[in-house]
């Protein structure tokens, strides 16, 4: 069982000359990227960061964000990424809740950092050259330019890898800590369930503070693939990247697909390199499914249903054939639908009866509980199952359909993720 640091080192040994990451004019092979990542690990040492420490990042999808992600995996630091649109009070909450020791930000998040009362207590790292007022911050470019020995993994598969924050609707966000083994298992499952092959090239636009973005990053490393950065979604730029970089797979939320295929440049763009489509995060309308299928003619069209807590609940690998269906349980999971307001995992709903979706916590991709939130654990974790708070039903074929949230029905359940 690998930790993610060892997993990345193995990828470098296997595919040293393959292009690992692309960001505008920057292109790095796995070997070249490993050298820069190793320099960041050495810089973390100089800052006094140690395995188990948290580092909060407030970044868009740049190569620097991906580099920091992998440096944390090798150094044993728990990367704690948050939305680059976060306000100062939200940033303060995450800093305090995670007990972070360092903060990485860029010009787009500089205002929130300047207004955050706790940011001044941390070692700060600035990505890019646009933030000149923080004279106490370390420049990320200095960290990557300094030569360093090859970084070796410092923690095992049971160590914490990442902590994502859920976007709670009625309370403060909940930290979702995930171990190296669970993150890697989710990455391997993502490769298998999307039938990714060697030399895949994905559009790295789903944010790295979101489980979809992290999964794209990890899955590409497992197969010698390329993560092509798009810092902020813009359909015109996305189309240009798809054509010039010959992107082979897309993994997006439905709204981004909608904007892509309805953009004026779409018809004139060569998108023939894209052979696999995947979506998650929300249902997709039948009209959009059909349009995407007709225009891309993909070899595979996957509807993925999951969460930050348990990456995969269910998978439908032929989304067009059964619109609205989330399919059946993923390869690392067991899923049930229990009656609404059920307190037991054994109180199963009947076929076509709407109930609450629950997922087994023993799966390889699963988290083990929220960060210092026993109240949330008591609400959502019962009898070895995760009560998702989502409503749905299973049809006569055993396929799951997700219909909404128990919150909307004033039924006790989990919070939005």
Protein backbone atom coordinates (compact mmCIF):
# COMPACT_ATOMS: atom_id res chain seq x y z
CA UNK A 1 0.00 0.00 0.00
CA UNK A 2 1.64 3.22 -1.20
CA UNK A 3 1.65 6.67 0.31
CA UNK A 4 1.26 9.40 -2.30
CA UNK A 5 4.88 10.54 -2.03
CA UNK A 6 6.14 7.06 -2.90
CA UNK A 7 3.49 6.88 -5.62
CA UNK A 8 4.83 10.04 -7.25
CA UNK A 9 8.47 8.90 -7.01
CA UNK A 10 7.43 5.67 -8.70
CA UNK A 11 5.77 7.68 -11.46
CA UNK A 12 8.99 9.64 -12.00
CA UNK A 13 10.98 6.40 -12.25
CA UNK A 14 8.47 4.91 -14.66
CA UNK A 15 7.95 7.92 -16.96
CA UNK A 16 10.80 10.42 -16.38
CA UNK A 17 10.56 11.95 -19.86
CA UNK A 18 6.78 12.17 -20.12
CA UNK A 19 5.23 15.63 -19.92
CA UNK A 20 3.72 15.87 -16.44
CA UNK A 21 2.38 19.40 -16.23
CA UNK A 22 1.65 22.24 -18.63
CA UNK A 23 0.81 25.81 -17.69
CA UNK A 24 0.80 28.25 -20.62
CA UNK A 25 4.41 28.26 -21.88
CA UNK A 26 5.74 26.12 -19.06
CA UNK A 27 6.13 22.38 -19.77
CA UNK A 28 7.81 20.03 -17.32
CA UNK A 29 8.55 16.34 -17.60
CA UNK A 30 8.15 14.14 -14.54
CA UNK A 31 11.90 14.29 -13.91
CA UNK A 32 12.03 18.07 -14.27
CA UNK A 33 8.99 18.54 -12.07
CA UNK A 34 10.39 16.25 -9.39
CA UNK A 35 13.46 18.47 -9.12
CA UNK A 36 11.30 21.54 -8.53
CA UNK A 37 9.08 19.68 -6.09
CA UNK A 38 12.18 18.55 -4.19
CA UNK A 39 13.31 22.16 -3.92
CA UNK A 40 9.97 23.08 -2.36
CA UNK A 41 10.29 20.25 0.15
CA UNK A 42 13.74 21.58 1.16
CA UNK A 43 12.26 25.08 1.47
CA UNK A 44 9.52 23.72 3.74
CA UNK A 45 12.28 22.31 5.94
CA UNK A 46 13.94 25.73 6.09
CA UNK A 47 10.62 27.21 7.21
CA UNK A 48 10.46 24.74 10.06
CA UNK A 49 7.46 22.83 8.68
CA UNK A 50 7.28 19.22 9.80
CA UNK A 51 5.20 16.12 8.99
CA UNK A 52 1.67 16.53 10.28
CA UNK A 53 1.66 20.33 10.03
CA UNK A 54 -1.13 21.95 8.03
CA UNK A 55 -0.47 24.48 5.27
CA UNK A 56 -3.39 26.52 3.93
CA UNK A 57 -3.31 27.39 0.22
CA UNK A 58 -5.52 30.00 -1.48
CA UNK A 59 -4.59 29.49 -5.13
CA UNK A 60 -5.98 29.07 -8.58
CA UNK A 61 -5.04 26.07 -10.74
CA UNK A 62 -1.49 27.04 -11.57
CA UNK A 63 1.53 24.77 -11.82
CA UNK A 64 2.67 26.23 -8.51
CA UNK A 65 -0.49 24.95 -6.79
CA UNK A 66 0.03 21.45 -8.20
CA UNK A 67 3.71 21.59 -7.22
CA UNK A 68 2.85 22.50 -3.64
CA UNK A 69 0.34 19.66 -3.54
CA UNK A 70 3.00 17.08 -4.40
CA UNK A 71 5.64 18.69 -2.18
CA UNK A 72 3.24 18.33 0.75
CA UNK A 73 2.72 14.65 -0.03
CA UNK A 74 6.46 14.01 0.01
CA UNK A 75 7.08 16.16 3.10
CA UNK A 76 4.16 14.69 5.06
CA UNK A 77 2.51 18.10 5.37
CA UNK A 78 -1.29 18.19 5.31
CA UNK A 79 -2.26 20.42 2.42
CA UNK A 80 -5.40 22.37 3.30
CA UNK A 81 -6.60 24.13 0.13
CA UNK A 82 -9.47 26.59 0.20
CA UNK A 83 -11.38 28.55 -2.40
CA UNK A 84 -9.34 31.46 -3.80
CA UNK A 85 -12.55 33.51 -3.58
CA UNK A 86 -12.70 33.06 0.21
CA UNK A 87 -13.31 36.18 2.31
CA UNK A 88 -11.07 37.20 5.19
CA UNK A 89 -13.34 35.74 7.90
CA UNK A 90 -13.59 32.43 6.03
CA UNK A 91 -9.83 32.34 5.73
CA UNK A 92 -9.47 33.04 9.45
CA UNK A 93 -11.83 30.18 10.27
CA UNK A 94 -9.84 27.69 8.19
CA UNK A 95 -6.51 28.87 9.59
CA UNK A 96 -7.73 28.57 13.16
CA UNK A 97 -9.64 25.34 12.70
CA UNK A 98 -6.75 23.54 10.98
CA UNK A 99 -4.08 25.12 13.22
CA UNK A 100 -2.16 25.88 10.07
CA UNK A 101 1.48 26.93 10.33
CA UNK A 102 1.88 28.43 6.85
CA UNK A 103 -0.17 30.14 4.16
CA UNK A 104 0.33 30.25 0.39
CA UNK A 105 -1.50 32.84 -1.68
CA UNK A 106 -1.37 34.89 -4.88
CA UNK A 107 -2.54 38.28 -6.09
CA UNK A 108 -6.16 37.17 -6.58
CA UNK A 109 -6.42 36.18 -2.90
CA UNK A 110 -4.18 38.94 -1.50
CA UNK A 111 -7.11 41.08 -0.34
CA UNK A 112 -8.54 38.33 1.84
CA UNK A 113 -5.10 37.57 3.26
CA UNK A 114 -4.54 41.24 4.09
CA UNK A 115 -7.87 41.35 5.91
CA UNK A 116 -7.45 38.09 7.79
CA UNK A 117 -6.47 38.73 11.40
CA UNK A 118 -4.61 35.39 11.74
CA UNK A 119 -2.63 35.51 8.49
CA UNK A 120 0.05 37.68 10.03
CA UNK A 121 0.88 34.92 12.51
CA UNK A 122 1.86 32.44 9.80
CA UNK A 123 4.82 31.90 7.53
CA UNK A 124 3.53 33.25 4.23
CA UNK A 125 4.49 32.23 0.72
CA UNK A 126 3.54 34.37 -2.28
CA UNK A 127 3.01 32.87 -5.73
CA UNK A 128 3.71 35.31 -8.56
CA UNK A 129 5.17 38.78 -8.41
CA UNK A 130 2.05 40.90 -8.13
CA UNK A 131 1.98 41.12 -4.32
CA UNK A 132 4.71 43.57 -3.36
CA UNK A 133 3.32 44.89 -0.08
CA UNK A 134 3.92 41.75 2.00
CA UNK A 135 7.61 42.20 2.69
CA UNK A 136 7.62 39.32 5.20
CA UNK A 137 6.46 36.76 2.66
CA UNK A 138 8.72 34.26 0.92
CA UNK A 139 8.61 34.25 -2.87
CA UNK A 140 7.66 30.88 -4.29
CA UNK A 141 10.03 31.39 -7.21
CA UNK A 142 12.95 31.49 -4.77
CA UNK A 143 11.83 28.16 -3.32
CA UNK A 144 11.78 26.37 -6.67
CA UNK A 145 15.00 27.91 -8.00
CA UNK A 146 17.24 26.60 -5.21
CA UNK A 147 18.75 23.18 -6.07
CA UNK A 148 18.03 20.43 -3.54
CA UNK A 149 18.52 16.68 -3.16
CA UNK A 150 15.75 14.47 -4.45
CA UNK A 151 13.00 14.47 -1.84
CA UNK A 152 12.18 11.10 -0.34
CA UNK A 153 8.77 10.25 1.15
CA UNK A 154 8.63 10.93 4.88
CA UNK A 155 5.29 9.43 5.90
CA UNK A 156 3.38 6.24 5.27
CA UNK A 157 -0.06 5.49 3.85
CA UNK A 158 -1.79 6.09 7.21
CA UNK A 159 -0.64 9.73 7.43
CA UNK A 160 -3.01 12.58 6.61
CA UNK A 161 -2.64 13.79 3.04
CA UNK A 162 -5.19 16.57 2.62
CA UNK A 163 -8.01 18.31 4.40
CA UNK A 164 -10.81 19.65 2.25
CA UNK A 165 -13.53 21.89 3.63
CA UNK A 166 -17.17 21.24 2.83
CA UNK A 167 -19.44 24.16 2.01
CA UNK A 168 -21.98 23.85 4.78
CA UNK A 169 -25.28 25.67 4.27
CA UNK A 170 -26.35 26.15 7.88
CA UNK A 171 -23.07 26.11 9.82
CA UNK A 172 -19.34 26.61 9.48
CA UNK A 173 -17.59 24.43 6.89
CA UNK A 174 -16.48 21.02 8.09
CA UNK A 175 -12.93 19.80 7.61
CA UNK A 176 -12.65 16.46 5.82
CA UNK A 177 -9.21 14.96 6.56
CA UNK A 178 -8.18 12.16 4.21
CA UNK A 179 -5.29 9.74 4.51
CA UNK A 180 -2.70 9.01 1.83
CA UNK A 181 -4.07 5.52 1.27
CA UNK A 182 -7.61 6.81 0.72
CA UNK A 183 -6.45 9.50 -1.67
CA UNK A 184 -4.41 7.07 -3.72
CA UNK A 185 -7.22 4.49 -3.74
CA UNK A 186 -9.57 7.17 -5.05
CA UNK A 187 -7.06 8.06 -7.76
CA UNK A 188 -6.64 4.44 -8.84
CA UNK A 189 -10.42 4.00 -8.91
CA UNK A 190 -10.75 7.15 -11.00
CA UNK A 191 -8.31 5.72 -13.55
CA UNK A 192 -10.16 2.41 -13.67
CA UNK A 193 -13.70 3.79 -13.77
CA UNK A 194 -12.86 6.28 -16.52
CA UNK A 195 -10.76 3.75 -18.47
CA UNK A 196 -7.79 6.10 -18.60
CA UNK A 197 -4.76 4.84 -20.53
CA UNK A 198 -1.14 5.87 -20.74
CA UNK A 199 -0.34 9.37 -21.96
CA UNK A 200 -3.78 10.79 -21.16
CA UNK A 201 -3.98 14.57 -21.14
CA UNK A 202 -6.60 16.20 -18.97
CA UNK A 203 -7.79 19.78 -18.69
CA UNK A 204 -6.81 20.78 -15.16
CA UNK A 205 -9.53 23.33 -14.51
CA UNK A 206 -11.58 21.80 -11.69
CA UNK A 207 -10.08 23.53 -8.65
CA UNK A 208 -7.45 21.85 -6.52
CA UNK A 209 -9.45 22.76 -3.41
CA UNK A 210 -12.19 20.43 -4.74
CA UNK A 211 -12.08 16.66 -4.81
CA UNK A 212 -12.66 16.56 -8.59
CA UNK A 213 -9.56 18.64 -9.25
CA UNK A 214 -7.42 16.66 -6.84
CA UNK A 215 -8.56 13.40 -8.42
CA UNK A 216 -7.62 14.62 -11.89
CA UNK A 217 -4.16 15.55 -10.64
CA UNK A 218 -3.51 12.25 -8.88
CA UNK A 219 -4.94 10.07 -11.63
CA UNK A 220 -2.72 11.64 -14.28
CA UNK A 221 0.38 10.94 -12.19
CA UNK A 222 -0.51 7.24 -11.97
CA UNK A 223 -0.47 6.74 -15.73
CA UNK A 224 2.26 9.11 -16.91
CA UNK A 225 -0.38 11.59 -18.02
CA UNK A 226 -0.36 15.37 -18.36
CA UNK A 227 -2.21 17.83 -16.16
CA UNK A 228 -2.79 20.92 -18.31
CA UNK A 229 -3.55 23.88 -16.08
CA UNK A 230 -6.30 26.40 -16.64
CA UNK A 231 -6.18 28.71 -13.60
CA UNK A 232 -9.69 30.04 -13.98
CA UNK A 233 -12.40 28.67 -16.22
CA UNK A 234 -12.93 30.53 -19.46
CA UNK A 235 -14.58 28.56 -22.30
CA UNK A 236 -12.57 30.31 -25.01
CA UNK A 237 -9.29 29.48 -23.29
CA UNK A 238 -10.50 25.96 -22.53
CA UNK A 239 -11.28 25.35 -26.19
CA UNK A 240 -7.89 26.69 -27.27
CA UNK A 241 -6.14 24.38 -24.81
CA UNK A 242 -8.17 21.37 -25.92
CA UNK A 243 -7.08 21.93 -29.51
CA UNK A 244 -3.43 22.91 -28.99
CA UNK A 245 -2.65 20.40 -26.23
CA UNK A 246 -4.78 17.62 -27.75
CA UNK A 247 -6.65 17.01 -24.52
CA UNK A 248 -7.90 13.40 -24.37
CA UNK A 249 -10.34 13.53 -21.45
CA UNK A 250 -12.57 16.07 -19.75
CA UNK A 251 -13.87 15.83 -16.19
CA UNK A 252 -16.10 18.80 -15.46
CA UNK A 253 -19.31 19.89 -13.77
CA UNK A 254 -22.31 20.21 -16.13
CA UNK A 255 -22.33 24.03 -16.18
CA UNK A 256 -18.81 24.11 -17.61
CA UNK A 257 -19.77 21.66 -20.35
CA UNK A 258 -22.78 23.84 -21.15
CA UNK A 259 -20.61 26.93 -21.49
CA UNK A 260 -18.11 25.01 -23.61
CA UNK A 261 -20.45 23.63 -26.26
CA UNK A 262 -22.49 26.84 -26.49
CA UNK A 263 -19.47 29.10 -26.94
CA UNK A 264 -19.19 30.76 -30.38
CA UNK A 265 -15.72 29.23 -30.89
CA UNK A 266 -16.85 25.66 -30.29
CA UNK A 267 -17.79 24.73 -33.85
CA UNK A 268 -14.49 26.02 -35.23
CA UNK A 269 -12.39 24.21 -32.63
CA UNK A 270 -10.88 20.79 -33.28
CA UNK A 271 -11.96 18.75 -30.26
CA UNK A 272 -11.46 15.33 -31.87
CA UNK A 273 -8.68 14.42 -29.43
CA UNK A 274 -11.22 14.22 -26.58
CA UNK A 275 -12.30 10.59 -26.32
CA UNK A 276 -13.61 10.39 -22.74
CA UNK A 277 -16.08 12.60 -20.94
CA UNK A 278 -16.89 12.58 -17.25
CA UNK A 279 -19.04 14.78 -15.07
CA UNK A 280 -19.93 15.09 -11.40
CA UNK A 281 -21.17 17.63 -8.89
CA UNK A 282 -24.71 17.98 -10.26
CA UNK A 283 -27.19 16.22 -12.57
CA UNK A 284 -26.92 16.83 -16.30
CA UNK A 285 -29.99 17.54 -18.41
CA UNK A 286 -30.91 15.08 -21.12
CA UNK A 287 -30.54 17.85 -23.72
CA UNK A 288 -26.96 18.59 -22.70
CA UNK A 289 -26.13 14.87 -22.52
CA UNK A 290 -27.35 14.39 -26.08
CA UNK A 291 -25.54 17.46 -27.40
CA UNK A 292 -22.23 16.43 -25.83
CA UNK A 293 -22.63 12.89 -27.12
CA UNK A 294 -23.41 14.09 -30.64
CA UNK A 295 -20.58 16.62 -30.82
CA UNK A 296 -17.73 14.77 -29.08
CA UNK A 297 -18.82 11.21 -29.95
CA UNK A 298 -16.89 9.97 -26.92
CA UNK A 299 -15.77 6.40 -26.37
CA UNK A 300 -16.90 6.72 -22.75
CA UNK A 301 -19.34 9.09 -21.03
CA UNK A 302 -19.26 8.77 -17.23
CA UNK A 303 -21.62 10.16 -14.62
CA UNK A 304 -19.75 10.11 -11.31
CA UNK A 305 -21.61 10.55 -8.02
CA UNK A 306 -19.58 11.10 -4.87
CA UNK A 307 -18.40 13.57 -2.26
CA UNK A 308 -15.34 14.91 -0.47
CA UNK A 309 -15.95 12.43 2.34
CA UNK A 310 -16.13 9.33 0.16
CA UNK A 311 -14.87 10.09 -3.29
CA UNK A 312 -17.00 7.57 -5.21
CA UNK A 313 -20.52 6.50 -4.35
CA UNK A 314 -21.71 5.31 -7.75
CA UNK A 315 -20.65 5.32 -11.40
CA UNK A 316 -22.66 5.24 -14.62
CA UNK A 317 -20.26 4.59 -17.49
CA UNK A 318 -22.89 5.11 -20.18
CA UNK A 319 -24.64 8.26 -19.03
CA UNK A 320 -26.46 8.81 -22.32
CA UNK A 321 -28.17 5.42 -22.27
CA UNK A 322 -29.97 6.16 -19.01
CA UNK A 323 -30.23 9.92 -18.43
CA UNK A 324 -30.45 10.88 -14.78
CA UNK A 325 -29.09 7.59 -13.51
CA UNK A 326 -26.06 7.72 -11.21
CA UNK A 327 -25.50 4.03 -11.91
CA UNK A 328 -24.20 1.44 -9.49
CA UNK A 329 -21.64 1.46 -6.70
CA UNK A 330 -18.01 2.20 -7.59
CA UNK A 331 -15.33 -0.47 -7.33
CA UNK A 332 -14.40 0.56 -3.78
CA UNK A 333 -17.90 1.06 -2.46
CA UNK A 334 -21.21 -0.38 -1.33
CA UNK A 335 -24.27 1.88 -1.45
CA UNK A 336 -27.80 1.56 -0.08
CA UNK A 337 -30.97 3.61 0.02
CA UNK A 338 -32.69 3.60 3.41
CA UNK A 339 -36.10 4.96 4.32
CA UNK A 340 -36.37 8.67 4.98
CA UNK A 341 -35.63 9.50 8.62
CA UNK A 342 -34.23 5.98 9.14
CA UNK A 343 -31.82 5.68 12.05
CA UNK A 344 -30.52 2.27 11.00
CA UNK A 345 -28.59 1.20 7.92
CA UNK A 346 -30.74 -1.92 7.75
CA UNK A 347 -34.01 -0.02 7.25
CA UNK A 348 -33.90 -0.33 3.46
CA UNK A 349 -36.22 1.49 1.09
CA UNK A 350 -38.12 -0.54 -1.47
CA UNK A 351 -37.49 -0.45 -5.21
CA UNK A 352 -38.46 2.99 -6.58
CA UNK A 353 -39.09 4.29 -3.05
CA UNK A 354 -37.36 7.57 -2.29
CA UNK A 355 -35.04 7.44 0.69
CA UNK A 356 -31.63 8.58 1.90
CA UNK A 357 -28.46 7.41 0.16
CA UNK A 358 -25.86 5.87 2.47
CA UNK A 359 -22.36 4.57 1.70
CA UNK A 360 -20.13 2.09 3.51
CA UNK A 361 -17.32 3.67 5.52
CA UNK A 362 -15.12 0.58 5.20
CA UNK A 363 -14.40 1.35 1.53
CA UNK A 364 -10.82 2.15 0.54
CA UNK A 365 -11.72 5.70 -0.54
CA UNK A 366 -13.58 6.67 2.61
CA UNK A 367 -12.79 9.28 5.21
CA UNK A 368 -13.07 8.39 8.92
CA UNK A 369 -14.81 11.40 10.37
CA UNK A 370 -14.84 15.18 10.35
CA UNK A 371 -12.04 17.31 11.78
CA UNK A 372 -12.91 17.96 15.43
CA UNK A 373 -16.65 17.86 14.79
CA UNK A 374 -18.15 15.05 16.92
CA UNK A 375 -21.57 16.61 16.40
CA UNK A 376 -21.25 16.16 12.64
CA UNK A 377 -19.91 12.63 13.08
CA UNK A 378 -22.88 11.71 15.27
CA UNK A 379 -25.24 13.07 12.64
CA UNK A 380 -23.72 11.41 9.59
CA UNK A 381 -21.75 8.34 10.69
CA UNK A 382 -23.79 5.42 11.99
CA UNK A 383 -23.27 1.67 12.15
CA UNK A 384 -20.25 1.91 9.87
CA UNK A 385 -22.15 3.84 7.18
CA UNK A 386 -22.01 7.42 5.96
CA UNK A 387 -25.48 8.97 5.75
CA UNK A 388 -25.01 11.38 2.85
CA UNK A 389 -28.06 13.59 3.32
CA UNK A 390 -28.91 13.00 -0.35
CA UNK A 391 -32.24 11.55 -1.35
CA UNK A 392 -32.71 9.04 -4.12
CA UNK A 393 -34.17 5.71 -5.18
CA UNK A 394 -33.03 2.50 -6.81
CA UNK A 395 -34.93 1.31 -9.86
CA UNK A 396 -35.73 -2.27 -10.88
CA UNK A 397 -32.33 -2.58 -12.61
CA UNK A 398 -30.49 -1.64 -9.43
CA UNK A 399 -29.48 1.79 -10.74
CA UNK A 400 -29.48 4.77 -8.40
CA UNK A 401 -31.26 8.03 -9.14
CA UNK A 402 -30.40 11.01 -6.92
CA UNK A 403 -33.36 13.29 -6.35
CA UNK A 404 -32.34 15.98 -3.85
CA UNK A 405 -31.38 16.65 -0.25
CA UNK A 406 -32.97 15.52 2.98
CA UNK A 407 -32.40 19.08 4.24
CA UNK A 408 -34.91 20.32 1.69
CA UNK A 409 -37.49 17.88 3.07
CA UNK A 410 -36.85 18.87 6.71
CA UNK A 411 -35.49 15.38 7.37
CA UNK A 412 -32.40 14.89 9.52
CA UNK A 413 -29.38 14.15 7.39
CA UNK A 414 -25.94 15.26 6.32
CA UNK A 415 -24.99 18.70 5.06
CA UNK A 416 -24.09 19.76 1.57
CA UNK A 417 -20.58 18.88 0.46
